[in-house]
Amino acid sequence: MSRRLKLHSILCGILDCPERGKECRAYFQPPASVSMKYPAIVYALNGKDKRHADDRVYLSSNRYSVTVIDSNPDSDIVDKVSELPMCRFNTAYTKDNLNHTVYEIYY
């Protein structure tokens, strides 16, 4: 199983939703045509972190931008995502009466 699919599984566990199908609310790089259900988590690959030694890559991690979207400004989903290893708060904002909390996660 790829690292992204493992991350997807973790995010679905936080949302308590199935990993596939119409009831899944964890969206990887969703196109604009997707009608999302809230609360939701949207995530996208945002870069790679590589560490080098002896002219070789010895450690590589994918960096994902993970956005929790919820109408509740005090959502416990935000707290659960923030507790993930290698997670760092980026920003928070409100758009269309929905609260967006953005994290960067290395996975």
N, C-alpha and C. Protein backbone atom coordinates (compact mmCIF):
# COMPACT_ATOMS: atom_id res chain seq x y z
N MET A 1 0.85 -1.18 0.00
CA MET A 1 0.00 0.00 0.00
C MET A 1 0.89 1.24 0.00
N SER A 2 0.56 2.20 -0.84
CA SER A 2 1.38 3.41 -0.94
C SER A 2 1.21 4.28 0.31
N ARG A 3 2.15 5.18 0.50
CA ARG A 3 2.08 6.09 1.65
C ARG A 3 0.84 6.96 1.58
N ARG A 4 0.47 7.40 0.37
CA ARG A 4 -0.72 8.24 0.23
C ARG A 4 -1.97 7.49 0.65
N LEU A 5 -2.07 6.23 0.25
CA LEU A 5 -3.25 5.45 0.63
C LEU A 5 -3.30 5.19 2.13
N LYS A 6 -2.13 5.05 2.75
CA LYS A 6 -2.10 4.91 4.21
C LYS A 6 -2.58 6.19 4.89
N LEU A 7 -2.12 7.35 4.36
CA LEU A 7 -2.57 8.62 4.89
C LEU A 7 -4.08 8.77 4.69
N HIS A 8 -4.58 8.38 3.52
CA HIS A 8 -6.01 8.44 3.24
C HIS A 8 -6.79 7.62 4.27
N SER A 9 -6.29 6.44 4.57
CA SER A 9 -6.94 5.57 5.55
C SER A 9 -6.99 6.23 6.93
N ILE A 10 -5.90 6.88 7.32
CA ILE A 10 -5.84 7.58 8.60
C ILE A 10 -6.85 8.72 8.64
N LEU A 11 -6.93 9.49 7.56
CA LEU A 11 -7.85 10.62 7.50
C LEU A 11 -9.30 10.15 7.54
N CYS A 12 -9.59 9.04 6.85
CA CYS A 12 -10.94 8.47 6.90
C CYS A 12 -11.28 8.01 8.31
N GLY A 13 -10.30 7.47 9.01
CA GLY A 13 -10.51 7.06 10.40
C GLY A 13 -10.85 8.25 11.29
N ILE A 14 -10.19 9.37 11.07
CA ILE A 14 -10.48 10.58 11.84
C ILE A 14 -11.90 11.06 11.56
N LEU A 15 -12.32 10.98 10.29
CA LEU A 15 -13.66 11.42 9.90
C LEU A 15 -14.73 10.38 10.22
N ASP A 16 -14.31 9.16 10.54
CA ASP A 16 -15.23 8.05 10.77
C ASP A 16 -16.12 7.83 9.55
N CYS A 17 -15.46 7.76 8.38
CA CYS A 17 -16.19 7.53 7.13
C CYS A 17 -15.51 6.38 6.37
N PRO A 18 -16.22 5.78 5.42
CA PRO A 18 -15.59 4.72 4.62
C PRO A 18 -14.46 5.29 3.76
N GLU A 19 -13.53 4.42 3.37
CA GLU A 19 -12.39 4.87 2.58
C GLU A 19 -12.72 5.08 1.11
N ARG A 20 -13.83 4.53 0.65
CA ARG A 20 -14.22 4.66 -0.76
C ARG A 20 -15.72 4.89 -0.85
N GLY A 21 -16.13 5.35 -2.02
CA GLY A 21 -17.55 5.50 -2.28
C GLY A 21 -18.08 6.89 -1.98
N LYS A 22 -19.37 7.04 -2.14
CA LYS A 22 -20.01 8.34 -2.01
C LYS A 22 -20.00 8.88 -0.58
N GLU A 23 -19.88 8.01 0.39
CA GLU A 23 -19.89 8.44 1.79
C GLU A 23 -18.51 8.85 2.29
N CYS A 24 -17.47 8.63 1.50
CA CYS A 24 -16.11 9.03 1.88
C CYS A 24 -16.02 10.55 1.82
N ARG A 25 -15.48 11.15 2.90
CA ARG A 25 -15.36 12.60 2.96
C ARG A 25 -13.91 13.06 3.02
N ALA A 26 -12.97 12.17 2.70
CA ALA A 26 -11.56 12.53 2.57
C ALA A 26 -11.27 12.58 1.07
N TYR A 27 -10.91 13.75 0.60
CA TYR A 27 -10.77 13.96 -0.84
C TYR A 27 -9.32 14.27 -1.20
N PHE A 28 -8.77 13.49 -2.11
CA PHE A 28 -7.41 13.74 -2.58
C PHE A 28 -7.48 14.52 -3.89
N GLN A 29 -6.98 15.74 -3.86
CA GLN A 29 -6.92 16.60 -5.04
C GLN A 29 -8.23 16.57 -5.83
N PRO A 30 -9.36 16.90 -5.21
CA PRO A 30 -10.65 16.77 -5.90
C PRO A 30 -10.81 17.81 -7.00
N PRO A 31 -11.39 17.42 -8.14
CA PRO A 31 -11.68 18.40 -9.18
C PRO A 31 -12.84 19.31 -8.72
N ALA A 32 -12.98 20.43 -9.39
CA ALA A 32 -14.02 21.39 -9.01
C ALA A 32 -15.42 20.80 -9.16
N SER A 33 -15.58 19.79 -9.97
CA SER A 33 -16.90 19.20 -10.22
C SER A 33 -17.39 18.30 -9.09
N VAL A 34 -16.52 17.97 -8.13
CA VAL A 34 -16.90 17.09 -7.02
C VAL A 34 -17.75 17.87 -6.02
N SER A 35 -18.88 17.31 -5.65
CA SER A 35 -19.75 17.89 -4.64
C SER A 35 -19.38 17.27 -3.29
N MET A 36 -18.76 18.06 -2.43
CA MET A 36 -18.27 17.54 -1.16
C MET A 36 -19.34 17.56 -0.08
N LYS A 37 -19.22 16.61 0.84
CA LYS A 37 -20.05 16.56 2.03
C LYS A 37 -19.18 16.98 3.20
N TYR A 38 -19.77 17.74 4.13
CA TYR A 38 -18.99 18.28 5.24
C TYR A 38 -19.45 17.67 6.56
N PRO A 39 -18.59 17.57 7.54
CA PRO A 39 -17.19 17.97 7.54
C PRO A 39 -16.37 17.09 6.60
N ALA A 40 -15.29 17.68 6.09
CA ALA A 40 -14.46 16.98 5.12
C ALA A 40 -12.99 17.31 5.34
N ILE A 41 -12.15 16.47 4.75
CA ILE A 41 -10.72 16.73 4.71
C ILE A 41 -10.30 16.66 3.25
N VAL A 42 -9.65 17.73 2.79
CA VAL A 42 -9.13 17.77 1.42
C VAL A 42 -7.61 17.80 1.55
N TYR A 43 -6.96 16.93 0.80
CA TYR A 43 -5.50 16.91 0.87
C TYR A 43 -4.90 16.77 -0.52
N ALA A 44 -3.68 17.30 -0.65
CA ALA A 44 -3.00 17.29 -1.94
C ALA A 44 -1.49 17.20 -1.71
N LEU A 45 -0.82 16.56 -2.63
CA LEU A 45 0.64 16.51 -2.57
C LEU A 45 1.17 17.92 -2.77
N ASN A 46 2.06 18.34 -1.89
CA ASN A 46 2.53 19.72 -1.90
C ASN A 46 4.05 19.81 -2.06
N GLY A 47 4.73 18.68 -2.14
CA GLY A 47 6.17 18.68 -2.29
C GLY A 47 6.80 17.42 -1.74
N LYS A 48 8.11 17.38 -1.81
CA LYS A 48 8.87 16.26 -1.28
C LYS A 48 10.04 16.80 -0.48
N ASP A 49 10.34 16.12 0.58
CA ASP A 49 11.49 16.46 1.40
C ASP A 49 12.50 15.33 1.25
N LYS A 50 13.68 15.67 0.77
CA LYS A 50 14.72 14.65 0.59
C LYS A 50 15.94 15.04 1.39
N ARG A 51 16.51 14.06 2.04
CA ARG A 51 17.75 14.24 2.79
C ARG A 51 18.83 13.45 2.07
N HIS A 52 19.99 14.07 1.94
CA HIS A 52 21.08 13.46 1.18
C HIS A 52 22.28 13.16 2.09
N ALA A 53 23.00 12.11 1.71
CA ALA A 53 24.28 11.77 2.32
C ALA A 53 25.06 10.95 1.31
N ASP A 54 26.33 11.19 1.23
CA ASP A 54 27.18 10.47 0.28
C ASP A 54 26.63 10.54 -1.14
N ASP A 55 26.16 11.73 -1.53
CA ASP A 55 25.61 11.98 -2.87
C ASP A 55 24.42 11.10 -3.21
N ARG A 56 23.68 10.67 -2.22
CA ARG A 56 22.50 9.84 -2.43
C ARG A 56 21.36 10.32 -1.52
N VAL A 57 20.15 10.00 -1.93
CA VAL A 57 18.98 10.28 -1.09
C VAL A 57 18.88 9.13 -0.09
N TYR A 58 18.91 9.46 1.19
CA TYR A 58 18.76 8.40 2.19
C TYR A 58 17.42 8.48 2.91
N LEU A 59 16.68 9.58 2.74
CA LEU A 59 15.38 9.71 3.36
C LEU A 59 14.51 10.60 2.47
N SER A 60 13.33 10.13 2.18
CA SER A 60 12.41 10.90 1.35
C SER A 60 11.01 10.85 1.96
N SER A 61 10.38 12.01 2.08
CA SER A 61 9.01 12.10 2.61
C SER A 61 8.19 12.98 1.69
N ASN A 62 6.94 12.59 1.51
CA ASN A 62 6.02 13.44 0.76
C ASN A 62 5.42 14.46 1.72
N ARG A 63 5.25 15.69 1.23
CA ARG A 63 4.60 16.73 2.02
C ARG A 63 3.21 16.96 1.44
N TYR A 64 2.21 16.86 2.30
CA TYR A 64 0.82 17.05 1.89
C TYR A 64 0.24 18.28 2.56
N SER A 65 -0.55 19.02 1.82
CA SER A 65 -1.36 20.08 2.38
C SER A 65 -2.70 19.45 2.75
N VAL A 66 -3.06 19.52 4.02
CA VAL A 66 -4.27 18.88 4.52
C VAL A 66 -5.19 19.97 5.08
N THR A 67 -6.39 20.08 4.51
CA THR A 67 -7.33 21.11 4.93
C THR A 67 -8.57 20.47 5.54
N VAL A 68 -8.84 20.81 6.78
CA VAL A 68 -10.06 20.38 7.45
C VAL A 68 -11.12 21.45 7.19
N ILE A 69 -12.26 21.04 6.64
CA ILE A 69 -13.35 21.96 6.32
C ILE A 69 -14.57 21.56 7.13
N ASP A 70 -15.06 22.48 7.95
CA ASP A 70 -16.18 22.17 8.83
C ASP A 70 -16.93 23.45 9.15
N SER A 71 -18.23 23.35 9.31
CA SER A 71 -19.03 24.52 9.70
C SER A 71 -18.82 24.86 11.18
N ASN A 72 -18.39 23.88 11.96
CA ASN A 72 -18.15 24.07 13.39
C ASN A 72 -16.75 24.67 13.60
N PRO A 73 -16.66 25.89 14.15
CA PRO A 73 -15.33 26.49 14.36
C PRO A 73 -14.52 25.79 15.45
N ASP A 74 -15.18 25.00 16.29
CA ASP A 74 -14.50 24.26 17.36
C ASP A 74 -14.48 22.77 17.09
N SER A 75 -14.34 22.40 15.84
CA SER A 75 -14.39 20.99 15.43
C SER A 75 -13.30 20.16 16.10
N ASP A 76 -13.67 19.00 16.60
CA ASP A 76 -12.68 18.09 17.18
C ASP A 76 -11.83 17.43 16.09
N ILE A 77 -12.28 17.49 14.84
CA ILE A 77 -11.50 16.94 13.72
C ILE A 77 -10.19 17.70 13.59
N VAL A 78 -10.23 19.01 13.80
CA VAL A 78 -9.02 19.84 13.75
C VAL A 78 -8.01 19.36 14.78
N ASP A 79 -8.48 19.08 15.98
CA ASP A 79 -7.58 18.60 17.04
C ASP A 79 -6.98 17.24 16.70
N LYS A 80 -7.80 16.36 16.14
CA LYS A 80 -7.32 15.03 15.80
C LYS A 80 -6.26 15.08 14.69
N VAL A 81 -6.46 15.92 13.70
CA VAL A 81 -5.47 16.06 12.62
C VAL A 81 -4.19 16.68 13.17
N SER A 82 -4.32 17.66 14.05
CA SER A 82 -3.13 18.34 14.59
C SER A 82 -2.26 17.40 15.42
N GLU A 83 -2.83 16.30 15.91
CA GLU A 83 -2.08 15.35 16.72
C GLU A 83 -1.32 14.31 15.89
N LEU A 84 -1.50 14.33 14.57
CA LEU A 84 -0.79 13.37 13.73
C LEU A 84 0.71 13.65 13.75
N PRO A 85 1.54 12.61 13.67
CA PRO A 85 2.98 12.83 13.64
C PRO A 85 3.38 13.65 12.41
N MET A 86 4.37 14.46 12.56
CA MET A 86 4.93 15.28 11.47
C MET A 86 3.90 16.25 10.89
N CYS A 87 3.02 16.76 11.74
CA CYS A 87 1.97 17.68 11.32
C CYS A 87 2.30 19.07 11.85
N ARG A 88 2.12 20.07 10.97
CA ARG A 88 2.41 21.45 11.35
C ARG A 88 1.28 22.36 10.87
N PHE A 89 0.80 23.22 11.75
CA PHE A 89 -0.24 24.17 11.40
C PHE A 89 0.30 25.14 10.36
N ASN A 90 -0.54 25.46 9.35
CA ASN A 90 -0.15 26.41 8.33
C ASN A 90 -0.98 27.68 8.43
N THR A 91 -2.31 27.57 8.28
CA THR A 91 -3.18 28.75 8.33
C THR A 91 -4.62 28.33 8.58
N ALA A 92 -5.45 29.31 8.86
CA ALA A 92 -6.89 29.06 9.04
C ALA A 92 -7.64 30.24 8.43
N TYR A 93 -8.78 29.95 7.83
CA TYR A 93 -9.61 31.00 7.24
C TYR A 93 -11.04 30.51 7.10
N THR A 94 -11.95 31.44 6.85
CA THR A 94 -13.36 31.12 6.65
C THR A 94 -13.75 31.51 5.24
N LYS A 95 -14.47 30.61 4.56
CA LYS A 95 -14.93 30.87 3.20
C LYS A 95 -16.29 30.19 3.03
N ASP A 96 -17.26 30.90 2.50
CA ASP A 96 -18.61 30.36 2.28
C ASP A 96 -19.20 29.78 3.57
N ASN A 97 -18.99 30.46 4.69
CA ASN A 97 -19.49 30.04 6.01
C ASN A 97 -18.94 28.69 6.45
N LEU A 98 -17.80 28.29 5.92
CA LEU A 98 -17.12 27.07 6.34
C LEU A 98 -15.74 27.43 6.85
N ASN A 99 -15.34 26.80 7.95
CA ASN A 99 -14.02 27.03 8.53
C ASN A 99 -13.02 26.09 7.89
N HIS A 100 -11.91 26.65 7.45
CA HIS A 100 -10.83 25.88 6.82
C HIS A 100 -9.60 25.98 7.70
N THR A 101 -9.06 24.87 8.11
CA THR A 101 -7.82 24.82 8.88
C THR A 101 -6.83 23.99 8.08
N VAL A 102 -5.69 24.60 7.75
CA VAL A 102 -4.72 23.98 6.86
C VAL A 102 -3.48 23.56 7.63
N TYR A 103 -3.07 22.33 7.38
CA TYR A 103 -1.85 21.78 7.98
C TYR A 103 -0.93 21.28 6.88
N GLU A 104 0.32 21.16 7.20
CA GLU A 104 1.28 20.45 6.36
C GLU A 104 1.65 19.18 7.10
N ILE A 105 1.58 18.07 6.40
CA ILE A 105 1.91 16.77 6.99
C ILE A 105 2.95 16.09 6.11
N TYR A 106 4.01 15.63 6.76
CA TYR A 106 5.03 14.85 6.06
C TYR A 106 4.72 13.39 6.29
N TYR A 107 4.53 12.67 5.18
CA TYR A 107 4.17 11.27 5.33
C TYR A 107 4.80 10.46 4.22
